[in-house]
Amino acid sequence: MINKALNTMRDFLNGEYDPLDFSYDFPDFLVEYYNAMYAENPEITEILNDNMPEICTEYELDAPDEDFKKKVRIEYERAIRIF
């Protein structure tokens, strides 16, 4: 599940995932698969759950696309370094 989460983030960063859809789908994914992700890698799970829900909520409240993408990239790079 960690790999799927990171692939989803990468798809978004590469422009293959609509920003609004991602902002709704990704937090739902984190909630639904939290236990499976935690069993795989607690550290990455915590990184993704610490900031991504808030980052996605900020976008839903009309944050600019580039700011959203920049914040997602920071979290993606934090997680990928550990992966």
N, C-alpha and C. Protein backbone atom coordinates (compact mmCIF):
# COMPACT_ATOMS: atom_id res chain seq x y z
N MET A 1 0.82 -1.20 0.00
CA MET A 1 0.00 0.00 0.00
C MET A 1 0.86 1.27 0.00
N ILE A 2 2.03 1.19 0.63
CA ILE A 2 2.93 2.36 0.62
C ILE A 2 3.31 2.69 -0.82
N ASN A 3 3.64 1.66 -1.57
CA ASN A 3 4.01 1.87 -2.97
C ASN A 3 2.86 2.51 -3.75
N LYS A 4 1.64 2.06 -3.51
CA LYS A 4 0.48 2.63 -4.19
C LYS A 4 0.30 4.09 -3.79
N ALA A 5 0.47 4.42 -2.53
CA ALA A 5 0.34 5.82 -2.08
C ALA A 5 1.38 6.69 -2.77
N LEU A 6 2.62 6.22 -2.80
CA LEU A 6 3.68 7.00 -3.42
C LEU A 6 3.48 7.13 -4.94
N ASN A 7 2.99 6.07 -5.56
CA ASN A 7 2.70 6.13 -7.00
C ASN A 7 1.58 7.12 -7.29
N THR A 8 0.60 7.17 -6.42
CA THR A 8 -0.50 8.12 -6.59
C THR A 8 0.02 9.55 -6.48
N MET A 9 0.88 9.78 -5.51
CA MET A 9 1.48 11.11 -5.37
C MET A 9 2.31 11.46 -6.60
N ARG A 10 3.09 10.50 -7.08
CA ARG A 10 3.91 10.73 -8.26
C ARG A 10 3.05 11.04 -9.48
N ASP A 11 1.97 10.30 -9.63
CA ASP A 11 1.05 10.56 -10.74
C ASP A 11 0.51 11.98 -10.67
N PHE A 12 0.13 12.41 -9.50
CA PHE A 12 -0.35 13.78 -9.33
C PHE A 12 0.75 14.78 -9.71
N LEU A 13 1.94 14.57 -9.21
CA LEU A 13 3.04 15.50 -9.48
C LEU A 13 3.41 15.54 -10.96
N ASN A 14 3.17 14.44 -11.67
CA ASN A 14 3.46 14.38 -13.11
C ASN A 14 2.29 14.85 -13.96
N GLY A 15 1.25 15.36 -13.32
CA GLY A 15 0.11 15.88 -14.06
C GLY A 15 -0.86 14.83 -14.56
N GLU A 16 -0.77 13.62 -14.01
CA GLU A 16 -1.62 12.52 -14.45
C GLU A 16 -2.82 12.30 -13.54
N TYR A 17 -3.01 13.20 -12.59
CA TYR A 17 -4.10 13.07 -11.62
C TYR A 17 -4.64 14.48 -11.38
N ASP A 18 -5.90 14.68 -11.62
CA ASP A 18 -6.53 15.98 -11.43
C ASP A 18 -6.33 16.47 -9.98
N PRO A 19 -5.89 17.71 -9.80
CA PRO A 19 -5.62 18.22 -8.44
C PRO A 19 -6.82 18.13 -7.50
N LEU A 20 -8.00 18.49 -7.97
CA LEU A 20 -9.16 18.44 -7.08
C LEU A 20 -9.50 17.00 -6.70
N ASP A 21 -9.46 16.11 -7.68
CA ASP A 21 -9.71 14.70 -7.38
C ASP A 21 -8.68 14.17 -6.38
N PHE A 22 -7.42 14.49 -6.61
CA PHE A 22 -6.36 14.04 -5.70
C PHE A 22 -6.61 14.57 -4.29
N SER A 23 -7.03 15.83 -4.19
CA SER A 23 -7.22 16.45 -2.87
C SER A 23 -8.32 15.75 -2.07
N TYR A 24 -9.26 15.13 -2.76
CA TYR A 24 -10.31 14.36 -2.07
C TYR A 24 -9.92 12.90 -1.90
N ASP A 25 -9.34 12.32 -2.93
CA ASP A 25 -9.06 10.88 -2.93
C ASP A 25 -7.91 10.48 -2.00
N PHE A 26 -6.85 11.29 -1.97
CA PHE A 26 -5.67 10.86 -1.23
C PHE A 26 -5.91 10.76 0.28
N PRO A 27 -6.56 11.75 0.90
CA PRO A 27 -6.84 11.58 2.34
C PRO A 27 -7.74 10.37 2.62
N ASP A 28 -8.70 10.11 1.73
CA ASP A 28 -9.55 8.93 1.90
C ASP A 28 -8.71 7.65 1.83
N PHE A 29 -7.77 7.61 0.90
CA PHE A 29 -6.87 6.47 0.77
C PHE A 29 -6.08 6.26 2.06
N LEU A 30 -5.56 7.35 2.62
CA LEU A 30 -4.77 7.25 3.85
C LEU A 30 -5.59 6.69 5.00
N VAL A 31 -6.84 7.09 5.09
CA VAL A 31 -7.71 6.59 6.16
C VAL A 31 -8.03 5.11 5.93
N GLU A 32 -8.39 4.79 4.71
CA GLU A 32 -8.81 3.42 4.40
C GLU A 32 -7.70 2.39 4.58
N TYR A 33 -6.48 2.78 4.22
CA TYR A 33 -5.38 1.82 4.24
C TYR A 33 -4.34 2.10 5.32
N TYR A 34 -4.70 2.89 6.30
CA TYR A 34 -3.75 3.25 7.36
C TYR A 34 -3.11 2.02 8.00
N ASN A 35 -3.91 1.06 8.43
CA ASN A 35 -3.37 -0.11 9.14
C ASN A 35 -2.43 -0.93 8.25
N ALA A 36 -2.81 -1.13 7.01
CA ALA A 36 -1.96 -1.90 6.10
C ALA A 36 -0.65 -1.14 5.84
N MET A 37 -0.75 0.16 5.65
CA MET A 37 0.45 0.96 5.42
C MET A 37 1.34 0.96 6.65
N TYR A 38 0.73 1.08 7.82
CA TYR A 38 1.51 1.10 9.06
C TYR A 38 2.24 -0.22 9.27
N ALA A 39 1.60 -1.32 8.91
CA ALA A 39 2.24 -2.62 9.03
C ALA A 39 3.45 -2.73 8.09
N GLU A 40 3.37 -2.08 6.93
CA GLU A 40 4.48 -2.09 5.97
C GLU A 40 5.63 -1.21 6.42
N ASN A 41 5.28 0.03 6.81
CA ASN A 41 6.33 1.00 7.16
C ASN A 41 5.71 2.11 8.00
N PRO A 42 5.85 1.99 9.32
CA PRO A 42 5.25 2.99 10.20
C PRO A 42 5.78 4.42 9.96
N GLU A 43 7.05 4.54 9.66
CA GLU A 43 7.64 5.86 9.49
C GLU A 43 7.05 6.61 8.28
N ILE A 44 6.97 5.94 7.16
CA ILE A 44 6.39 6.58 5.97
C ILE A 44 4.90 6.86 6.20
N THR A 45 4.21 5.93 6.83
CA THR A 45 2.79 6.13 7.12
C THR A 45 2.59 7.39 7.95
N GLU A 46 3.42 7.58 8.95
CA GLU A 46 3.31 8.78 9.79
C GLU A 46 3.64 10.05 9.00
N ILE A 47 4.64 10.00 8.17
CA ILE A 47 4.99 11.16 7.34
C ILE A 47 3.80 11.57 6.49
N LEU A 48 3.19 10.61 5.82
CA LEU A 48 2.08 10.92 4.92
C LEU A 48 0.84 11.38 5.68
N ASN A 49 0.63 10.84 6.85
CA ASN A 49 -0.55 11.21 7.63
C ASN A 49 -0.37 12.49 8.44
N ASP A 50 0.85 12.90 8.65
CA ASP A 50 1.09 14.12 9.42
C ASP A 50 0.61 15.37 8.71
N ASN A 51 0.91 15.50 7.42
CA ASN A 51 0.64 16.76 6.73
C ASN A 51 -0.28 16.66 5.52
N MET A 52 -0.33 15.52 4.87
CA MET A 52 -1.08 15.43 3.62
C MET A 52 -2.58 15.74 3.77
N PRO A 53 -3.26 15.27 4.82
CA PRO A 53 -4.68 15.64 4.92
C PRO A 53 -4.89 17.15 4.99
N GLU A 54 -4.04 17.84 5.73
CA GLU A 54 -4.17 19.30 5.84
C GLU A 54 -3.82 19.99 4.52
N ILE A 55 -2.79 19.49 3.86
CA ILE A 55 -2.39 20.06 2.57
C ILE A 55 -3.54 19.92 1.56
N CYS A 56 -4.17 18.77 1.55
CA CYS A 56 -5.30 18.55 0.63
C CYS A 56 -6.49 19.44 0.99
N THR A 57 -6.74 19.63 2.26
CA THR A 57 -7.84 20.50 2.69
C THR A 57 -7.57 21.94 2.28
N GLU A 58 -6.33 22.39 2.41
CA GLU A 58 -5.99 23.75 2.00
C GLU A 58 -6.28 23.95 0.51
N TYR A 59 -5.97 22.95 -0.31
CA TYR A 59 -6.23 23.08 -1.74
C TYR A 59 -7.73 23.19 -2.01
N GLU A 60 -8.51 22.39 -1.31
CA GLU A 60 -9.95 22.42 -1.50
C GLU A 60 -10.52 23.79 -1.15
N LEU A 61 -9.80 24.56 -0.36
CA LEU A 61 -10.25 25.90 0.03
C LEU A 61 -9.63 26.96 -0.87
N ASP A 62 -9.34 26.60 -2.10
CA ASP A 62 -8.89 27.53 -3.14
C ASP A 62 -7.43 27.96 -3.06
N ALA A 63 -6.56 27.10 -2.56
CA ALA A 63 -5.13 27.40 -2.63
C ALA A 63 -4.69 27.26 -4.09
N PRO A 64 -3.70 28.03 -4.51
CA PRO A 64 -3.21 27.92 -5.90
C PRO A 64 -2.63 26.53 -6.20
N ASP A 65 -2.80 26.08 -7.45
CA ASP A 65 -2.31 24.76 -7.86
C ASP A 65 -0.82 24.59 -7.60
N GLU A 66 -0.03 25.61 -7.90
CA GLU A 66 1.43 25.49 -7.75
C GLU A 66 1.83 25.34 -6.28
N ASP A 67 1.16 26.04 -5.39
CA ASP A 67 1.45 25.88 -3.96
C ASP A 67 1.12 24.47 -3.50
N PHE A 68 -0.01 23.97 -3.95
CA PHE A 68 -0.44 22.62 -3.61
C PHE A 68 0.58 21.60 -4.10
N LYS A 69 0.97 21.73 -5.35
CA LYS A 69 1.94 20.80 -5.93
C LYS A 69 3.28 20.86 -5.18
N LYS A 70 3.72 22.05 -4.83
CA LYS A 70 4.97 22.21 -4.11
C LYS A 70 4.92 21.51 -2.75
N LYS A 71 3.83 21.66 -2.03
CA LYS A 71 3.69 21.03 -0.72
C LYS A 71 3.62 19.51 -0.84
N VAL A 72 2.91 19.03 -1.84
CA VAL A 72 2.83 17.58 -2.05
C VAL A 72 4.22 17.04 -2.41
N ARG A 73 4.96 17.76 -3.23
CA ARG A 73 6.30 17.32 -3.62
C ARG A 73 7.22 17.20 -2.39
N ILE A 74 7.13 18.14 -1.48
CA ILE A 74 7.95 18.10 -0.26
C ILE A 74 7.65 16.82 0.53
N GLU A 75 6.38 16.52 0.70
CA GLU A 75 6.00 15.31 1.46
C GLU A 75 6.40 14.05 0.70
N TYR A 76 6.23 14.06 -0.61
CA TYR A 76 6.62 12.92 -1.43
C TYR A 76 8.12 12.65 -1.29
N GLU A 77 8.91 13.69 -1.39
CA GLU A 77 10.36 13.53 -1.28
C GLU A 77 10.78 13.08 0.11
N ARG A 78 10.10 13.55 1.14
CA ARG A 78 10.40 13.07 2.51
C ARG A 78 10.15 11.57 2.61
N ALA A 79 9.03 11.13 2.05
CA ALA A 79 8.67 9.71 2.14
C ALA A 79 9.55 8.84 1.26
N ILE A 80 9.85 9.30 0.06
CA ILE A 80 10.61 8.49 -0.89
C ILE A 80 12.05 8.28 -0.40
N ARG A 81 12.59 9.22 0.33
CA ARG A 81 13.95 9.05 0.89
C ARG A 81 14.03 7.85 1.82
N ILE A 82 12.95 7.58 2.52
CA ILE A 82 12.92 6.47 3.47
C ILE A 82 12.58 5.17 2.76
N PHE A 83 11.78 5.26 1.72
CA PHE A 83 11.32 4.08 0.99
C PHE A 83 12.50 3.38 0.37
